[in-house]
Amino acid sequence: MANQNDSNQDTKAAGAQGEESGERELSFILDIPLELSVELGKTRMLVNDLLQLSQGSIVELNKLAGEPLEVYINRKLIARGEVVVVNEKFGVRLTDIITPMDRVKSLTN
């Protein structure tokens, strides 16, 4: 019986060490910086047209008003959402998260 108790304690200790090392591994990736960008729309223009822009100029985008924004992390689409205003600041409410399988597939593109 003493051997079985020792074995159970060893198993518990190994499990605790596994959890602790898992937390260390996770904390390591939590500090990796990512680039998050939100795309309202796109357009193409000539350099000459770009140089003519001034305050108040209007740039036509390829999306209609009310269409979802696209949220990218490190230039990979991860979600879609809509513009919201919170405390006089703009934000994005996520309405559609790209599935993990679709995100993995996009890594090969």
C-alpha atoms as a PDB file:
ATOM      1  CA  MET A   1       0.000   0.000   0.000  1.00  0.00           C
ATOM      2  CA  ALA A   2       2.819   2.408   0.723  1.00  0.00           C
ATOM      3  CA  ASN A   3       4.065   1.942  -2.840  1.00  0.00           C
ATOM      4  CA  GLN A   4       0.650   2.743  -4.307  1.00  0.00           C
ATOM      5  CA  ASN A   5       0.384   5.943  -2.227  1.00  0.00           C
ATOM      6  CA  ASP A   6       3.889   6.948  -3.275  1.00  0.00           C
ATOM      7  CA  SER A   7       2.927   6.268  -6.879  1.00  0.00           C
ATOM      8  CA  ASN A   8      -0.210   8.432  -6.573  1.00  0.00           C
ATOM      9  CA  GLN A   9       1.834  11.262  -5.060  1.00  0.00           C
ATOM     10  CA  ASP A  10       4.394  10.968  -7.847  1.00  0.00           C
ATOM     11  CA  THR A  11       1.584  11.092 -10.440  1.00  0.00           C
ATOM     12  CA  LYS A  12       0.063  14.170  -8.783  1.00  0.00           C
ATOM     13  CA  ALA A  13       3.472  15.854  -8.618  1.00  0.00           C
ATOM     14  CA  ALA A  14       4.131  15.055 -12.283  1.00  0.00           C
ATOM     15  CA  GLY A  15       0.684  16.443 -13.198  1.00  0.00           C
ATOM     16  CA  ALA A  16       1.372  19.642 -11.263  1.00  0.00           C
ATOM     17  CA  GLN A  17       4.738  19.994 -13.001  1.00  0.00           C
ATOM     18  CA  GLY A  18       3.046  19.413 -16.366  1.00  0.00           C
ATOM     19  CA  GLU A  19       0.485  22.119 -15.627  1.00  0.00           C
ATOM     20  CA  GLU A  20       3.232  24.463 -14.477  1.00  0.00           C
ATOM     21  CA  SER A  21       5.321  23.862 -17.591  1.00  0.00           C
ATOM     22  CA  GLY A  22       2.183  24.298 -19.734  1.00  0.00           C
ATOM     23  CA  GLU A  23       1.581  27.664 -18.094  1.00  0.00           C
ATOM     24  CA  ARG A  24       5.190  28.664 -18.752  1.00  0.00           C
ATOM     25  CA  GLU A  25       4.866  27.663 -22.403  1.00  0.00           C
ATOM     26  CA  LEU A  26       1.640  29.650 -22.713  1.00  0.00           C
ATOM     27  CA  SER A  27       3.059  32.700 -20.954  1.00  0.00           C
ATOM     28  CA  PHE A  28       5.953  32.659 -23.419  1.00  0.00           C
ATOM     29  CA  ILE A  29       3.631  33.152 -26.399  1.00  0.00           C
ATOM     30  CA  LEU A  30       1.469  35.744 -24.631  1.00  0.00           C
ATOM     31  CA  ASP A  31       4.255  38.322 -25.054  1.00  0.00           C
ATOM     32  CA  ILE A  32       4.639  37.890 -28.817  1.00  0.00           C
ATOM     33  CA  PRO A  33       3.622  41.137 -30.551  1.00  0.00           C
ATOM     34  CA  LEU A  34       1.019  40.848 -33.314  1.00  0.00           C
ATOM     35  CA  GLU A  35      -0.069  43.385 -35.916  1.00  0.00           C
ATOM     36  CA  LEU A  36      -3.844  43.853 -35.866  1.00  0.00           C
ATOM     37  CA  SER A  37      -5.440  45.818 -38.691  1.00  0.00           C
ATOM     38  CA  VAL A  38      -9.020  46.546 -39.672  1.00  0.00           C
ATOM     39  CA  GLU A  39      -9.851  47.046 -43.322  1.00  0.00           C
ATOM     40  CA  LEU A  40     -12.767  49.257 -44.224  1.00  0.00           C
ATOM     41  CA  GLY A  41     -12.242  48.784 -47.950  1.00  0.00           C
ATOM     42  CA  LYS A  42      -9.689  49.028 -50.752  1.00  0.00           C
ATOM     43  CA  THR A  43      -9.075  51.096 -53.834  1.00  0.00           C
ATOM     44  CA  ARG A  44      -6.412  51.511 -56.493  1.00  0.00           C
ATOM     45  CA  MET A  45      -5.210  54.891 -57.621  1.00  0.00           C
ATOM     46  CA  LEU A  46      -2.475  56.413 -59.685  1.00  0.00           C
ATOM     47  CA  VAL A  47       0.387  58.198 -57.952  1.00  0.00           C
ATOM     48  CA  ASN A  48      -0.745  61.433 -59.624  1.00  0.00           C
ATOM     49  CA  ASP A  49      -4.242  61.029 -58.112  1.00  0.00           C
ATOM     50  CA  LEU A  50      -2.719  60.258 -54.726  1.00  0.00           C
ATOM     51  CA  LEU A  51      -0.667  63.452 -54.862  1.00  0.00           C
ATOM     52  CA  GLN A  52      -3.826  65.465 -55.618  1.00  0.00           C
ATOM     53  CA  LEU A  53      -5.519  64.415 -52.347  1.00  0.00           C
ATOM     54  CA  SER A  54      -6.057  67.132 -49.795  1.00  0.00           C
ATOM     55  CA  GLN A  55      -8.084  67.676 -46.667  1.00  0.00           C
ATOM     56  CA  GLY A  56     -11.732  66.963 -47.478  1.00  0.00           C
ATOM     57  CA  SER A  57     -10.959  64.754 -50.491  1.00  0.00           C
ATOM     58  CA  ILE A  58     -13.160  61.688 -50.857  1.00  0.00           C
ATOM     59  CA  VAL A  59     -11.639  58.317 -51.736  1.00  0.00           C
ATOM     60  CA  GLU A  60     -14.121  55.772 -53.074  1.00  0.00           C
ATOM     61  CA  LEU A  61     -13.655  52.285 -51.623  1.00  0.00           C
ATOM     62  CA  ASN A  62     -14.701  48.927 -53.067  1.00  0.00           C
ATOM     63  CA  LYS A  63     -17.288  48.255 -50.329  1.00  0.00           C
ATOM     64  CA  LEU A  64     -20.748  49.633 -49.739  1.00  0.00           C
ATOM     65  CA  ALA A  65     -21.768  51.401 -46.539  1.00  0.00           C
ATOM     66  CA  GLY A  66     -22.888  48.847 -43.975  1.00  0.00           C
ATOM     67  CA  GLU A  67     -20.778  45.976 -45.323  1.00  0.00           C
ATOM     68  CA  PRO A  68     -18.656  44.177 -42.709  1.00  0.00           C
ATOM     69  CA  LEU A  69     -15.123  45.284 -41.955  1.00  0.00           C
ATOM     70  CA  GLU A  70     -12.346  42.715 -42.163  1.00  0.00           C
ATOM     71  CA  VAL A  71     -10.066  42.128 -39.177  1.00  0.00           C
ATOM     72  CA  TYR A  72      -6.549  40.865 -39.888  1.00  0.00           C
ATOM     73  CA  ILE A  73      -3.801  39.659 -37.584  1.00  0.00           C
ATOM     74  CA  ASN A  74      -0.392  39.611 -39.234  1.00  0.00           C
ATOM     75  CA  ARG A  75      -2.125  40.109 -42.601  1.00  0.00           C
ATOM     76  CA  LYS A  76      -4.301  36.998 -42.173  1.00  0.00           C
ATOM     77  CA  LEU A  77      -8.090  37.354 -42.058  1.00  0.00           C
ATOM     78  CA  ILE A  78      -9.410  36.225 -38.676  1.00  0.00           C
ATOM     79  CA  ALA A  79     -12.807  37.943 -38.348  1.00  0.00           C
ATOM     80  CA  ARG A  80     -15.396  40.319 -39.747  1.00  0.00           C
ATOM     81  CA  GLY A  81     -17.214  43.011 -37.841  1.00  0.00           C
ATOM     82  CA  GLU A  82     -18.925  46.360 -37.765  1.00  0.00           C
ATOM     83  CA  VAL A  83     -17.917  49.833 -36.627  1.00  0.00           C
ATOM     84  CA  VAL A  84     -19.137  50.930 -33.210  1.00  0.00           C
ATOM     85  CA  VAL A  85     -18.574  54.081 -31.174  1.00  0.00           C
ATOM     86  CA  VAL A  86     -17.728  53.621 -27.490  1.00  0.00           C
ATOM     87  CA  ASN A  87     -17.051  56.657 -25.302  1.00  0.00           C
ATOM     88  CA  GLU A  88     -16.487  58.797 -28.407  1.00  0.00           C
ATOM     89  CA  LYS A  89     -13.882  56.348 -29.758  1.00  0.00           C
ATOM     90  CA  PHE A  90     -14.236  54.026 -32.721  1.00  0.00           C
ATOM     91  CA  GLY A  91     -14.172  50.285 -32.200  1.00  0.00           C
ATOM     92  CA  VAL A  92     -15.073  47.067 -33.980  1.00  0.00           C
ATOM     93  CA  ARG A  93     -17.758  44.619 -32.867  1.00  0.00           C
ATOM     94  CA  LEU A  94     -16.827  41.181 -34.161  1.00  0.00           C
ATOM     95  CA  THR A  95     -19.757  39.541 -35.902  1.00  0.00           C
ATOM     96  CA  ASP A  96     -18.087  36.574 -37.609  1.00  0.00           C
ATOM     97  CA  ILE A  97     -14.961  34.701 -36.523  1.00  0.00           C
ATOM     98  CA  ILE A  98     -13.148  32.747 -39.227  1.00  0.00           C
ATOM     99  CA  THR A  99     -13.137  29.044 -38.308  1.00  0.00           C
ATOM    100  CA  PRO A 100      -9.834  27.557 -37.122  1.00  0.00           C
ATOM    101  CA  MET A 101      -9.788  25.217 -40.140  1.00  0.00           C
ATOM    102  CA  ASP A 102     -10.213  28.141 -42.564  1.00  0.00           C
ATOM    103  CA  ARG A 103      -7.468  30.074 -40.730  1.00  0.00           C
ATOM    104  CA  VAL A 104      -5.088  27.115 -41.034  1.00  0.00           C
ATOM    105  CA  LYS A 105      -5.917  26.818 -44.743  1.00  0.00           C
ATOM    106  CA  SER A 106      -5.174  30.520 -45.245  1.00  0.00           C
ATOM    107  CA  LEU A 107      -1.662  30.053 -43.836  1.00  0.00           C
ATOM    108  CA  THR A 108      -0.700  28.171 -46.991  1.00  0.00           C
ATOM    109  CA  ASN A 109      -1.844  31.030 -49.263  1.00  0.00           C
END
